[in-house]
Amino acid sequence: MADRAAVLAWADACVREHGRVHLLFNNAGVALSASAEATTPEDFAWIMGINFWGVVHGTQAFLPHLRASGDGHVVNISSVFGIIAMPTQSAYNASKFAVRGFTEALRMELEMEGAPVGVTCVHPGGVATSIVASQRVHASTERMTGMDPARHRALSEKLIHRTSPRSAARQVLRGVQRNARRVLVGGDARMADLLARLLGAGYQSVLMAGARRLRRAGTR
């Protein structure tokens, strides 16, 4: 997904094989846990290349074909971390906030020109996929959480297994059917959205308190 030429070639191959394309789901994503200070330029390039540039490449590659279909839809997967930020998630947050901004602007542009293409930004909470098991965990995470990388990964996996992929997919498809601007997947995503709406930037104090409790538990 980070290889623009490969994504463009993939879009052309899809049209050759199927004749037209109606739906695009930009869903590829990777995760990184590290303090903002310790995250290297290479780390940022890796996660942004897949999480953000993959969305941009996919959207731009398929958009002409979605227009040509006369009834197209773009679904870009942001995250609950595209609504709120979390300690140790600066690079991931940056990529998912970027997806949100790109997608919301795209939706407005296509609406303004009357294009036959809908756009939905999806913010999943914890979904039982392999993203946490395959995440990169930097040693700096231990200073922030009180847990070594293995324990941090195990706890993250436990917390993220809230919504099944099947249920998440159904919620996304329902959003596409009603041409929703935004879809929140899971109760945890809805709670995070509510927290940000009610408290504004004050949500950070709530999350820091929770992170401190986890750190104290992690050092016991």
N, C-alpha and C. Protein backbone atom coordinates (compact mmCIF):
# COMPACT_ATOMS: atom_id res chain seq x y z
N MET A 1 0.82 -1.21 0.00
CA MET A 1 0.00 0.00 0.00
C MET A 1 0.85 1.26 0.00
N ALA A 2 2.07 1.18 0.45
CA ALA A 2 2.96 2.33 0.44
C ALA A 2 3.59 2.57 -0.92
N ASP A 3 3.45 1.61 -1.83
CA ASP A 3 4.03 1.69 -3.17
C ASP A 3 2.97 2.22 -4.14
N ARG A 4 3.05 3.50 -4.47
CA ARG A 4 2.03 4.14 -5.29
C ARG A 4 1.87 3.45 -6.65
N ALA A 5 2.97 3.12 -7.28
CA ALA A 5 2.90 2.49 -8.60
C ALA A 5 2.19 1.15 -8.53
N ALA A 6 2.44 0.40 -7.46
CA ALA A 6 1.79 -0.90 -7.30
C ALA A 6 0.29 -0.75 -7.10
N VAL A 7 -0.11 0.27 -6.34
CA VAL A 7 -1.55 0.48 -6.09
C VAL A 7 -2.24 0.93 -7.37
N LEU A 8 -1.61 1.80 -8.14
CA LEU A 8 -2.20 2.23 -9.42
C LEU A 8 -2.37 1.04 -10.36
N ALA A 9 -1.36 0.18 -10.41
CA ALA A 9 -1.44 -1.01 -11.26
C ALA A 9 -2.54 -1.95 -10.79
N TRP A 10 -2.71 -2.05 -9.47
CA TRP A 10 -3.75 -2.90 -8.90
C TRP A 10 -5.14 -2.39 -9.29
N ALA A 11 -5.33 -1.08 -9.24
CA ALA A 11 -6.63 -0.51 -9.62
C ALA A 11 -6.95 -0.82 -11.08
N ASP A 12 -5.98 -0.65 -11.95
CA ASP A 12 -6.19 -0.95 -13.37
C ASP A 12 -6.50 -2.43 -13.58
N ALA A 13 -5.80 -3.30 -12.83
CA ALA A 13 -6.03 -4.74 -12.95
C ALA A 13 -7.44 -5.11 -12.49
N CYS A 14 -7.92 -4.46 -11.43
CA CYS A 14 -9.29 -4.73 -10.94
C CYS A 14 -10.33 -4.39 -12.01
N VAL A 15 -10.13 -3.27 -12.67
CA VAL A 15 -11.09 -2.86 -13.70
C VAL A 15 -11.03 -3.80 -14.90
N ARG A 16 -9.83 -4.20 -15.27
CA ARG A 16 -9.72 -5.15 -16.39
C ARG A 16 -10.43 -6.46 -16.07
N GLU A 17 -10.33 -6.92 -14.84
CA GLU A 17 -10.90 -8.21 -14.46
C GLU A 17 -12.41 -8.13 -14.24
N HIS A 18 -12.88 -7.05 -13.64
CA HIS A 18 -14.29 -6.97 -13.23
C HIS A 18 -15.13 -6.01 -14.06
N GLY A 19 -14.52 -5.20 -14.88
CA GLY A 19 -15.27 -4.29 -15.73
C GLY A 19 -15.50 -2.93 -15.10
N ARG A 20 -15.88 -2.90 -13.83
CA ARG A 20 -16.04 -1.64 -13.11
C ARG A 20 -15.88 -1.87 -11.62
N VAL A 21 -15.70 -0.79 -10.90
CA VAL A 21 -15.50 -0.87 -9.45
C VAL A 21 -16.49 0.08 -8.78
N HIS A 22 -17.21 -0.43 -7.78
CA HIS A 22 -18.19 0.38 -7.06
C HIS A 22 -17.74 0.74 -5.64
N LEU A 23 -17.01 -0.16 -4.99
CA LEU A 23 -16.66 0.04 -3.59
C LEU A 23 -15.16 -0.07 -3.38
N LEU A 24 -14.61 0.84 -2.60
CA LEU A 24 -13.20 0.81 -2.23
C LEU A 24 -13.11 0.87 -0.71
N PHE A 25 -12.42 -0.10 -0.12
CA PHE A 25 -12.18 -0.12 1.33
C PHE A 25 -10.68 -0.02 1.57
N ASN A 26 -10.22 1.12 2.04
CA ASN A 26 -8.81 1.29 2.39
C ASN A 26 -8.64 0.89 3.85
N ASN A 27 -8.22 -0.35 4.06
CA ASN A 27 -8.27 -0.96 5.38
C ASN A 27 -6.90 -1.39 5.91
N ALA A 28 -5.85 -1.36 5.08
CA ALA A 28 -4.54 -1.84 5.53
C ALA A 28 -4.01 -0.94 6.64
N GLY A 29 -3.44 -1.55 7.67
CA GLY A 29 -2.90 -0.74 8.76
C GLY A 29 -1.89 -1.50 9.60
N VAL A 30 -0.96 -0.75 10.18
CA VAL A 30 0.05 -1.31 11.08
C VAL A 30 0.09 -0.44 12.33
N ALA A 31 0.70 -0.96 13.40
CA ALA A 31 0.71 -0.25 14.68
C ALA A 31 2.12 -0.18 15.25
N LEU A 32 2.34 0.87 16.02
CA LEU A 32 3.63 1.09 16.67
C LEU A 32 3.38 1.70 18.04
N SER A 33 4.01 1.13 19.06
CA SER A 33 3.97 1.71 20.39
C SER A 33 5.36 2.22 20.74
N ALA A 34 5.45 3.51 21.01
CA ALA A 34 6.73 4.14 21.33
C ALA A 34 6.45 5.54 21.84
N SER A 35 7.34 6.06 22.66
CA SER A 35 7.18 7.45 23.06
C SER A 35 7.44 8.35 21.86
N ALA A 36 6.85 9.54 21.87
CA ALA A 36 7.04 10.47 20.76
C ALA A 36 8.51 10.82 20.60
N GLU A 37 9.21 10.97 21.72
CA GLU A 37 10.62 11.35 21.68
C GLU A 37 11.49 10.27 21.05
N ALA A 38 11.14 9.01 21.30
CA ALA A 38 11.98 7.90 20.82
C ALA A 38 11.59 7.42 19.43
N THR A 39 10.47 7.86 18.89
CA THR A 39 10.05 7.41 17.56
C THR A 39 10.97 8.00 16.51
N THR A 40 11.56 7.15 15.70
CA THR A 40 12.55 7.59 14.73
C THR A 40 11.88 8.04 13.43
N PRO A 41 12.60 8.81 12.61
CA PRO A 41 12.06 9.15 11.30
C PRO A 41 11.70 7.92 10.47
N GLU A 42 12.48 6.86 10.64
CA GLU A 42 12.19 5.61 9.90
C GLU A 42 10.88 4.99 10.39
N ASP A 43 10.63 5.06 11.71
CA ASP A 43 9.37 4.57 12.25
C ASP A 43 8.20 5.35 11.66
N PHE A 44 8.34 6.68 11.65
CA PHE A 44 7.27 7.51 11.10
C PHE A 44 7.05 7.22 9.62
N ALA A 45 8.13 7.06 8.87
CA ALA A 45 7.99 6.79 7.43
C ALA A 45 7.27 5.47 7.20
N TRP A 46 7.59 4.46 8.02
CA TRP A 46 6.96 3.14 7.87
C TRP A 46 5.47 3.21 8.14
N ILE A 47 5.08 3.79 9.28
CA ILE A 47 3.66 3.77 9.65
C ILE A 47 2.85 4.72 8.78
N MET A 48 3.40 5.88 8.44
CA MET A 48 2.67 6.81 7.58
C MET A 48 2.57 6.26 6.16
N GLY A 49 3.59 5.54 5.71
CA GLY A 49 3.57 4.97 4.37
C GLY A 49 2.41 4.02 4.16
N ILE A 50 2.10 3.24 5.18
CA ILE A 50 1.00 2.27 5.07
C ILE A 50 -0.33 2.89 5.50
N ASN A 51 -0.35 3.45 6.70
CA ASN A 51 -1.63 3.90 7.27
C ASN A 51 -2.20 5.14 6.58
N PHE A 52 -1.33 6.08 6.21
CA PHE A 52 -1.82 7.30 5.57
C PHE A 52 -1.62 7.29 4.06
N TRP A 53 -0.39 7.12 3.61
CA TRP A 53 -0.16 7.15 2.16
C TRP A 53 -0.87 6.00 1.45
N GLY A 54 -1.04 4.88 2.13
CA GLY A 54 -1.81 3.80 1.53
C GLY A 54 -3.24 4.23 1.22
N VAL A 55 -3.83 5.00 2.14
CA VAL A 55 -5.18 5.53 1.93
C VAL A 55 -5.20 6.52 0.76
N VAL A 56 -4.21 7.40 0.74
CA VAL A 56 -4.13 8.39 -0.35
C VAL A 56 -3.94 7.69 -1.70
N HIS A 57 -2.98 6.77 -1.76
CA HIS A 57 -2.73 6.06 -3.02
C HIS A 57 -3.97 5.30 -3.47
N GLY A 58 -4.60 4.57 -2.55
CA GLY A 58 -5.78 3.79 -2.91
C GLY A 58 -6.91 4.67 -3.40
N THR A 59 -7.16 5.76 -2.68
CA THR A 59 -8.24 6.66 -3.08
C THR A 59 -7.99 7.26 -4.45
N GLN A 60 -6.80 7.79 -4.67
CA GLN A 60 -6.50 8.44 -5.95
C GLN A 60 -6.44 7.44 -7.10
N ALA A 61 -6.01 6.22 -6.83
CA ALA A 61 -5.95 5.21 -7.88
C ALA A 61 -7.33 4.76 -8.32
N PHE A 62 -8.25 4.61 -7.36
CA PHE A 62 -9.57 4.06 -7.68
C PHE A 62 -10.63 5.11 -7.97
N LEU A 63 -10.42 6.34 -7.55
CA LEU A 63 -11.46 7.35 -7.68
C LEU A 63 -11.96 7.54 -9.12
N PRO A 64 -11.09 7.58 -10.13
CA PRO A 64 -11.62 7.70 -11.50
C PRO A 64 -12.55 6.55 -11.87
N HIS A 65 -12.24 5.34 -11.40
CA HIS A 65 -13.07 4.18 -11.70
C HIS A 65 -14.38 4.22 -10.91
N LEU A 66 -14.34 4.74 -9.69
CA LEU A 66 -15.56 4.89 -8.90
C LEU A 66 -16.49 5.92 -9.54
N ARG A 67 -15.91 7.00 -10.04
CA ARG A 67 -16.71 7.99 -10.77
C ARG A 67 -17.37 7.35 -11.99
N ALA A 68 -16.58 6.58 -12.72
CA ALA A 68 -17.07 5.98 -13.96
C ALA A 68 -18.19 4.98 -13.71
N SER A 69 -18.22 4.38 -12.52
CA SER A 69 -19.26 3.40 -12.20
C SER A 69 -20.63 4.07 -12.08
N GLY A 70 -20.64 5.37 -11.77
CA GLY A 70 -21.89 6.09 -11.58
C GLY A 70 -22.50 5.92 -10.21
N ASP A 71 -21.90 5.07 -9.38
CA ASP A 71 -22.43 4.81 -8.04
C ASP A 71 -21.32 4.23 -7.18
N GLY A 72 -20.32 5.04 -6.88
CA GLY A 72 -19.15 4.56 -6.16
C GLY A 72 -19.14 5.00 -4.71
N HIS A 73 -18.28 4.35 -3.93
CA HIS A 73 -18.15 4.72 -2.52
C HIS A 73 -16.75 4.41 -2.04
N VAL A 74 -16.16 5.38 -1.33
CA VAL A 74 -14.84 5.23 -0.71
C VAL A 74 -15.04 5.05 0.79
N VAL A 75 -14.43 4.02 1.35
CA VAL A 75 -14.46 3.80 2.79
C VAL A 75 -13.01 3.80 3.29
N ASN A 76 -12.67 4.81 4.06
CA ASN A 76 -11.32 4.91 4.60
C ASN A 76 -11.35 4.62 6.10
N ILE A 77 -10.48 3.70 6.52
CA ILE A 77 -10.46 3.28 7.92
C ILE A 77 -9.48 4.14 8.70
N SER A 78 -10.02 4.99 9.56
CA SER A 78 -9.21 5.73 10.52
C SER A 78 -9.11 4.86 11.77
N SER A 79 -9.51 5.37 12.90
CA SER A 79 -9.43 4.62 14.15
C SER A 79 -10.08 5.45 15.24
N VAL A 80 -10.38 4.81 16.37
CA VAL A 80 -10.75 5.58 17.55
C VAL A 80 -9.61 6.52 17.89
N PHE A 81 -8.37 6.13 17.51
CA PHE A 81 -7.21 6.98 17.75
C PHE A 81 -7.06 8.06 16.67
N GLY A 82 -8.07 8.19 15.83
CA GLY A 82 -8.19 9.35 14.96
C GLY A 82 -9.17 10.36 15.55
N ILE A 83 -9.69 10.04 16.73
CA ILE A 83 -10.61 10.93 17.45
C ILE A 83 -9.95 11.42 18.73
N ILE A 84 -9.28 10.50 19.44
CA ILE A 84 -8.54 10.85 20.65
C ILE A 84 -7.12 10.33 20.50
N ALA A 85 -6.20 10.96 21.22
CA ALA A 85 -4.80 10.52 21.22
C ALA A 85 -4.51 9.73 22.49
N MET A 86 -3.43 8.94 22.44
CA MET A 86 -3.05 8.12 23.58
C MET A 86 -1.54 8.17 23.78
N PRO A 87 -1.07 8.14 25.02
CA PRO A 87 0.37 8.03 25.25
C PRO A 87 0.92 6.77 24.58
N THR A 88 2.10 6.85 24.05
CA THR A 88 2.84 5.80 23.32
C THR A 88 2.30 5.57 21.92
N GLN A 89 1.32 6.36 21.49
CA GLN A 89 0.70 6.13 20.18
C GLN A 89 0.85 7.35 19.26
N SER A 90 1.87 8.16 19.46
CA SER A 90 1.98 9.41 18.71
C SER A 90 2.03 9.18 17.20
N ALA A 91 2.82 8.22 16.75
CA ALA A 91 2.94 7.97 15.31
C ALA A 91 1.63 7.39 14.76
N TYR A 92 1.06 6.45 15.48
CA TYR A 92 -0.21 5.86 15.04
C TYR A 92 -1.31 6.92 15.04
N ASN A 93 -1.38 7.72 16.12
CA ASN A 93 -2.35 8.81 16.18
C ASN A 93 -2.18 9.75 14.99
N ALA A 94 -0.94 10.11 14.69
CA ALA A 94 -0.68 11.04 13.58
C ALA A 94 -1.23 10.47 12.27
N SER A 95 -1.01 9.17 12.05
CA SER A 95 -1.46 8.57 10.80
C SER A 95 -2.98 8.52 10.71
N LYS A 96 -3.63 8.23 11.83
CA LYS A 96 -5.09 8.07 11.81
C LYS A 96 -5.82 9.41 11.85
N PHE A 97 -5.26 10.42 12.53
CA PHE A 97 -5.82 11.76 12.42
C PHE A 97 -5.68 12.27 10.99
N ALA A 98 -4.57 11.93 10.34
CA ALA A 98 -4.36 12.34 8.95
C ALA A 98 -5.39 11.70 8.02
N VAL A 99 -5.68 10.43 8.24
CA VAL A 99 -6.71 9.75 7.45
C VAL A 99 -8.05 10.45 7.63
N ARG A 100 -8.36 10.79 8.85
CA ARG A 100 -9.63 11.48 9.12
C ARG A 100 -9.71 12.81 8.36
N GLY A 101 -8.68 13.63 8.46
CA GLY A 101 -8.69 14.93 7.78
C GLY A 101 -8.79 14.80 6.27
N PHE A 102 -8.02 13.88 5.72
CA PHE A 102 -8.04 13.64 4.27
C PHE A 102 -9.43 13.20 3.82
N THR A 103 -10.02 12.28 4.56
CA THR A 103 -11.30 11.70 4.17
C THR A 103 -12.44 12.70 4.28
N GLU A 104 -12.45 13.47 5.36
CA GLU A 104 -13.52 14.45 5.53
C GLU A 104 -13.45 15.54 4.47
N ALA A 105 -12.24 15.97 4.13
CA ALA A 105 -12.09 16.97 3.06
C ALA A 105 -12.54 16.39 1.72
N LEU A 106 -12.16 15.15 1.44
CA LEU A 106 -12.56 14.49 0.19
C LEU A 106 -14.07 14.41 0.09
N ARG A 107 -14.73 14.05 1.18
CA ARG A 107 -16.20 13.95 1.17
C ARG A 107 -16.83 15.29 0.78
N MET A 108 -16.34 16.37 1.37
CA MET A 108 -16.91 17.68 1.07
C MET A 108 -16.66 18.08 -0.38
N GLU A 109 -15.47 17.80 -0.87
CA GLU A 109 -15.15 18.16 -2.26
C GLU A 109 -16.07 17.44 -3.25
N LEU A 110 -16.26 16.14 -3.04
CA LEU A 110 -17.09 15.37 -3.96
C LEU A 110 -18.55 15.78 -3.87
N GLU A 111 -19.01 16.11 -2.67
CA GLU A 111 -20.37 16.60 -2.52
C GLU A 111 -20.56 17.94 -3.24
N MET A 112 -19.58 18.83 -3.10
CA MET A 112 -19.69 20.15 -3.71
C MET A 112 -19.79 20.08 -5.23
N GLU A 113 -19.10 19.11 -5.82
CA GLU A 113 -19.14 18.99 -7.28
C GLU A 113 -20.24 18.06 -7.77
N GLY A 114 -20.99 17.45 -6.84
CA GLY A 114 -22.07 16.55 -7.25
C GLY A 114 -21.60 15.25 -7.85
N ALA A 115 -20.43 14.78 -7.44
CA ALA A 115 -19.88 13.53 -7.98
C ALA A 115 -20.69 12.33 -7.48
N PRO A 116 -20.80 11.28 -8.29
CA PRO A 116 -21.58 10.10 -7.90
C PRO A 116 -20.78 9.14 -7.02
N VAL A 117 -20.08 9.70 -6.04
CA VAL A 117 -19.21 8.90 -5.17
C VAL A 117 -19.42 9.36 -3.73
N GLY A 118 -19.79 8.43 -2.87
CA GLY A 118 -19.90 8.72 -1.45
C GLY A 118 -18.59 8.44 -0.75
N VAL A 119 -18.42 9.02 0.43
CA VAL A 119 -17.19 8.83 1.20
C VAL A 119 -17.55 8.66 2.67
N THR A 120 -16.99 7.64 3.30
CA THR A 120 -17.24 7.38 4.72
C THR A 120 -15.91 7.20 5.43
N CYS A 121 -15.77 7.86 6.56
CA CYS A 121 -14.60 7.68 7.42
C CYS A 121 -15.01 6.79 8.59
N VAL A 122 -14.28 5.71 8.80
CA VAL A 122 -14.62 4.73 9.83
C VAL A 122 -13.63 4.83 10.98
N HIS A 123 -14.20 4.85 12.19
CA HIS A 123 -13.37 4.92 13.41
C HIS A 123 -13.66 3.69 14.27
N PRO A 124 -12.94 2.60 14.05
CA PRO A 124 -13.16 1.41 14.89
C PRO A 124 -12.50 1.57 16.25
N GLY A 125 -13.13 0.98 17.26
CA GLY A 125 -12.47 0.79 18.54
C GLY A 125 -11.68 -0.51 18.47
N GLY A 126 -11.74 -1.30 19.51
CA GLY A 126 -11.01 -2.57 19.51
C GLY A 126 -11.70 -3.61 18.66
N VAL A 127 -11.02 -4.09 17.64
CA VAL A 127 -11.54 -5.15 16.77
C VAL A 127 -10.54 -6.30 16.81
N ALA A 128 -11.05 -7.51 16.90
CA ALA A 128 -10.20 -8.70 17.10
C ALA A 128 -9.48 -9.08 15.80
N THR A 129 -8.47 -8.29 15.46
CA THR A 129 -7.62 -8.59 14.30
C THR A 129 -6.19 -8.84 14.79
N SER A 130 -5.28 -9.02 13.86
CA SER A 130 -3.88 -9.31 14.22
C SER A 130 -3.02 -8.06 14.33
N ILE A 131 -3.62 -6.86 14.27
CA ILE A 131 -2.80 -5.65 14.24
C ILE A 131 -1.96 -5.48 15.50
N VAL A 132 -2.51 -5.85 16.66
CA VAL A 132 -1.75 -5.69 17.90
C VAL A 132 -0.66 -6.75 18.01
N ALA A 133 -0.98 -7.98 17.64
CA ALA A 133 0.01 -9.06 17.72
C ALA A 133 1.22 -8.78 16.84
N SER A 134 1.00 -8.05 15.74
CA SER A 134 2.10 -7.77 14.81
C SER A 134 2.67 -6.37 14.96
N GLN A 135 2.22 -5.63 15.98
CA GLN A 135 2.71 -4.26 16.15
C GLN A 135 4.17 -4.23 16.55
N ARG A 136 4.81 -3.11 16.29
CA ARG A 136 6.16 -2.87 16.77
C ARG A 136 6.07 -2.19 18.12
N VAL A 137 6.78 -2.72 19.11
CA VAL A 137 6.76 -2.14 20.46
C VAL A 137 8.18 -1.70 20.80
N HIS A 138 8.38 -0.40 20.94
CA HIS A 138 9.69 0.17 21.22
C HIS A 138 9.99 0.06 22.71
N ALA A 139 11.27 -0.03 23.05
CA ALA A 139 11.66 -0.15 24.45
C ALA A 139 11.20 1.04 25.28
N SER A 140 11.02 2.19 24.65
CA SER A 140 10.59 3.38 25.37
C SER A 140 9.18 3.22 25.95
N THR A 141 8.43 2.27 25.44
CA THR A 141 7.08 2.03 25.95
C THR A 141 7.11 1.61 27.42
N GLU A 142 8.15 0.89 27.80
CA GLU A 142 8.23 0.39 29.18
C GLU A 142 8.31 1.55 30.17
N ARG A 143 9.03 2.61 29.81
CA ARG A 143 9.13 3.76 30.70
C ARG A 143 7.78 4.43 30.90
N MET A 144 6.95 4.40 29.86
CA MET A 144 5.64 5.05 29.94
C MET A 144 4.59 4.18 30.62
N THR A 145 4.71 2.86 30.45
CA THR A 145 3.64 1.96 30.90
C THR A 145 4.02 1.09 32.09
N GLY A 146 5.31 0.96 32.37
CA GLY A 146 5.74 0.07 33.44
C GLY A 146 5.73 -1.38 33.04
N MET A 147 5.51 -1.65 31.76
CA MET A 147 5.46 -3.03 31.27
C MET A 147 6.50 -3.25 30.18
N ASP A 148 7.11 -4.43 30.18
CA ASP A 148 8.03 -4.74 29.09
C ASP A 148 7.23 -4.96 27.81
N PRO A 149 7.91 -4.94 26.64
CA PRO A 149 7.18 -5.06 25.37
C PRO A 149 6.25 -6.26 25.28
N ALA A 150 6.67 -7.41 25.79
CA ALA A 150 5.84 -8.61 25.70
C ALA A 150 4.56 -8.46 26.52
N ARG A 151 4.70 -7.92 27.72
CA ARG A 151 3.52 -7.74 28.57
C ARG A 151 2.60 -6.66 28.02
N HIS A 152 3.21 -5.61 27.47
CA HIS A 152 2.42 -4.54 26.85
C HIS A 152 1.61 -5.08 25.68
N ARG A 153 2.24 -5.92 24.86
CA ARG A 153 1.53 -6.49 23.70
C ARG A 153 0.39 -7.39 24.17
N ALA A 154 0.63 -8.19 25.21
CA ALA A 154 -0.40 -9.10 25.71
C ALA A 154 -1.59 -8.33 26.25
N LEU A 155 -1.33 -7.26 27.00
CA LEU A 155 -2.43 -6.46 27.54
C LEU A 155 -3.18 -5.77 26.41
N SER A 156 -2.47 -5.26 25.43
CA SER A 156 -3.11 -4.59 24.30
C SER A 156 -4.03 -5.55 23.56
N GLU A 157 -3.57 -6.78 23.37
CA GLU A 157 -4.41 -7.77 22.69
C GLU A 157 -5.68 -8.05 23.48
N LYS A 158 -5.55 -8.11 24.80
CA LYS A 158 -6.72 -8.37 25.64
C LYS A 158 -7.73 -7.24 25.54
N LEU A 159 -7.23 -6.00 25.51
CA LEU A 159 -8.12 -4.84 25.45
C LEU A 159 -8.77 -4.67 24.09
N ILE A 160 -8.07 -5.07 23.03
CA ILE A 160 -8.57 -4.77 21.69
C ILE A 160 -9.62 -5.78 21.22
N HIS A 161 -9.67 -6.95 21.81
CA HIS A 161 -10.60 -7.98 21.34
C HIS A 161 -12.01 -7.73 21.86
N ARG A 162 -12.62 -6.65 21.39
CA ARG A 162 -13.95 -6.25 21.84
C ARG A 162 -15.01 -6.56 20.78
N THR A 163 -14.74 -6.22 19.54
CA THR A 163 -15.69 -6.38 18.45
C THR A 163 -15.13 -7.39 17.45
N SER A 164 -15.97 -8.32 16.99
CA SER A 164 -15.50 -9.30 16.01
C SER A 164 -15.37 -8.63 14.64
N PRO A 165 -14.47 -9.11 13.79
CA PRO A 165 -14.36 -8.57 12.44
C PRO A 165 -15.68 -8.62 11.68
N ARG A 166 -16.47 -9.70 11.87
CA ARG A 166 -17.75 -9.82 11.18
C ARG A 166 -18.71 -8.70 11.60
N SER A 167 -18.78 -8.45 12.91
CA SER A 167 -19.65 -7.39 13.40
C SER A 167 -19.16 -6.03 12.91
N ALA A 168 -17.86 -5.83 12.93
CA ALA A 168 -17.30 -4.56 12.45
C ALA A 168 -17.65 -4.34 10.99
N ALA A 169 -17.51 -5.39 10.18
CA ALA A 169 -17.82 -5.27 8.75
C ALA A 169 -19.29 -4.92 8.53
N ARG A 170 -20.17 -5.54 9.31
CA ARG A 170 -21.60 -5.24 9.17
C ARG A 170 -21.91 -3.78 9.51
N GLN A 171 -21.26 -3.28 10.55
CA GLN A 171 -21.48 -1.89 10.94
C GLN A 171 -20.98 -0.94 9.85
N VAL A 172 -19.85 -1.28 9.25
CA VAL A 172 -19.32 -0.44 8.16
C VAL A 172 -20.26 -0.47 6.96
N LEU A 173 -20.73 -1.64 6.59
CA LEU A 173 -21.61 -1.75 5.42
C LEU A 173 -22.93 -1.03 5.63
N ARG A 174 -23.44 -1.07 6.86
CA ARG A 174 -24.66 -0.31 7.14
C ARG A 174 -24.40 1.19 6.96
N GLY A 175 -23.21 1.63 7.34
CA GLY A 175 -22.85 3.02 7.13
C GLY A 175 -22.77 3.38 5.66
N VAL A 176 -22.24 2.48 4.85
CA VAL A 176 -22.17 2.71 3.40
C VAL A 176 -23.57 2.81 2.83
N GLN A 177 -24.46 1.92 3.26
CA GLN A 177 -25.83 1.92 2.73
C GLN A 177 -26.55 3.23 3.00
N ARG A 178 -26.27 3.86 4.13
CA ARG A 178 -26.94 5.13 4.42
C ARG A 178 -26.07 6.34 4.07
N ASN A 179 -24.95 6.07 3.41
CA ASN A 179 -24.03 7.13 2.97
C ASN A 179 -23.60 8.00 4.15
N ALA A 180 -23.22 7.35 5.24
CA ALA A 180 -22.82 8.06 6.45
C ALA A 180 -21.47 8.73 6.26
N ARG A 181 -21.33 9.92 6.82
CA ARG A 181 -20.04 10.59 6.79
C ARG A 181 -19.05 9.89 7.70
N ARG A 182 -19.53 9.42 8.85
CA ARG A 182 -18.67 8.81 9.85
C ARG A 182 -19.35 7.58 10.42
N VAL A 183 -18.57 6.54 10.67
CA VAL A 183 -19.07 5.33 11.33
C VAL A 183 -18.17 5.04 12.53
N LEU A 184 -18.78 4.93 13.69
CA LEU A 184 -18.08 4.54 14.91
C LEU A 184 -18.36 3.05 15.15
N VAL A 185 -17.31 2.25 15.20
CA VAL A 185 -17.46 0.80 15.34
C VAL A 185 -17.16 0.38 16.77
N GLY A 186 -18.18 -0.09 17.45
CA GLY A 186 -17.99 -0.59 18.81
C GLY A 186 -18.34 0.43 19.87
N GLY A 187 -18.74 -0.07 21.04
CA GLY A 187 -19.10 0.80 22.14
C GLY A 187 -17.93 1.63 22.64
N ASP A 188 -16.71 1.08 22.56
CA ASP A 188 -15.54 1.84 23.01
C ASP A 188 -15.29 3.04 22.11
N ALA A 189 -15.54 2.89 20.81
CA ALA A 189 -15.38 4.02 19.89
C ALA A 189 -16.42 5.09 20.17
N ARG A 190 -17.66 4.66 20.44
CA ARG A 190 -18.71 5.64 20.75
C ARG A 190 -18.42 6.36 22.06
N MET A 191 -17.87 5.64 23.04
CA MET A 191 -17.53 6.27 24.31
C MET A 191 -16.40 7.29 24.14
N ALA A 192 -15.39 6.93 23.35
CA ALA A 192 -14.28 7.85 23.11
C ALA A 192 -14.76 9.10 22.39
N ASP A 193 -15.65 8.93 21.43
CA ASP A 193 -16.18 10.07 20.70
C ASP A 193 -16.97 10.98 21.64
N LEU A 194 -17.77 10.38 22.50
CA LEU A 194 -18.55 11.16 23.47
C LEU A 194 -17.63 11.91 24.43
N LEU A 195 -16.57 11.25 24.87
CA LEU A 195 -15.62 11.86 25.79
C LEU A 195 -14.98 13.10 25.16
N ALA A 196 -14.58 12.96 23.89
CA ALA A 196 -13.96 14.09 23.19
C ALA A 196 -14.95 15.23 22.98
N ARG A 197 -16.20 14.87 22.67
CA ARG A 197 -17.22 15.91 22.45
C ARG A 197 -17.54 16.66 23.75
N LEU A 198 -17.66 15.94 24.87
CA LEU A 198 -18.05 16.55 26.13
C LEU A 198 -16.93 17.34 26.78
N LEU A 199 -15.71 16.80 26.71
CA LEU A 199 -14.61 17.39 27.46
C LEU A 199 -13.64 18.20 26.60
N GLY A 200 -13.76 18.09 25.28
CA GLY A 200 -12.77 18.76 24.44
C GLY A 200 -11.38 18.24 24.76
N ALA A 201 -10.41 19.14 24.87
CA ALA A 201 -9.04 18.72 25.18
C ALA A 201 -8.92 18.15 26.59
N GLY A 202 -9.95 18.36 27.43
CA GLY A 202 -9.92 17.82 28.78
C GLY A 202 -9.92 16.31 28.84
N TYR A 203 -10.27 15.65 27.70
CA TYR A 203 -10.26 14.18 27.70
C TYR A 203 -8.86 13.65 28.01
N GLN A 204 -7.84 14.45 27.72
CA GLN A 204 -6.46 14.00 27.93
C GLN A 204 -6.19 13.70 29.40
N SER A 205 -6.75 14.52 30.29
CA SER A 205 -6.55 14.28 31.73
C SER A 205 -7.16 12.96 32.15
N VAL A 206 -8.32 12.63 31.59
CA VAL A 206 -8.98 11.36 31.91
C VAL A 206 -8.12 10.19 31.45
N LEU A 207 -7.61 10.27 30.22
CA LEU A 207 -6.80 9.17 29.69
C LEU A 207 -5.47 9.05 30.42
N MET A 208 -4.88 10.18 30.80
CA MET A 208 -3.62 10.11 31.56
C MET A 208 -3.83 9.45 32.90
N ALA A 209 -4.96 9.73 33.54
CA ALA A 209 -5.25 9.08 34.83
C ALA A 209 -5.34 7.57 34.65
N GLY A 210 -6.01 7.14 33.58
CA GLY A 210 -6.10 5.71 33.30
C GLY A 210 -4.74 5.10 32.99
N ALA A 211 -3.92 5.83 32.23
CA ALA A 211 -2.58 5.34 31.88
C ALA A 211 -1.70 5.22 33.12
N ARG A 212 -1.86 6.15 34.05
CA ARG A 212 -1.07 6.08 35.28
C ARG A 212 -1.48 4.88 36.13
N ARG A 213 -2.78 4.59 36.16
CA ARG A 213 -3.23 3.40 36.90
C ARG A 213 -2.65 2.13 36.29
N LEU A 214 -2.64 2.07 34.96
CA LEU A 214 -2.06 0.90 34.29
C LEU A 214 -0.56 0.79 34.58
N ARG A 215 0.12 1.93 34.61
CA ARG A 215 1.55 1.90 34.88
C ARG A 215 1.83 1.40 36.30
N ARG A 216 1.02 1.87 37.26
CA ARG A 216 1.22 1.37 38.64
C ARG A 216 0.96 -0.12 38.71
N ALA A 217 -0.09 -0.59 37.99
CA ALA A 217 -0.37 -2.03 37.98
C ALA A 217 0.76 -2.80 37.30
N GLY A 218 1.34 -2.19 36.26
CA GLY A 218 2.38 -2.86 35.50
C GLY A 218 3.68 -3.00 36.26
N THR A 219 3.92 -2.14 37.24
CA THR A 219 5.18 -2.19 38.00
C THR A 219 5.07 -3.07 39.25
N ARG A 220 3.88 -3.62 39.49
CA ARG A 220 3.72 -4.47 40.67
C ARG A 220 4.22 -5.88 40.40
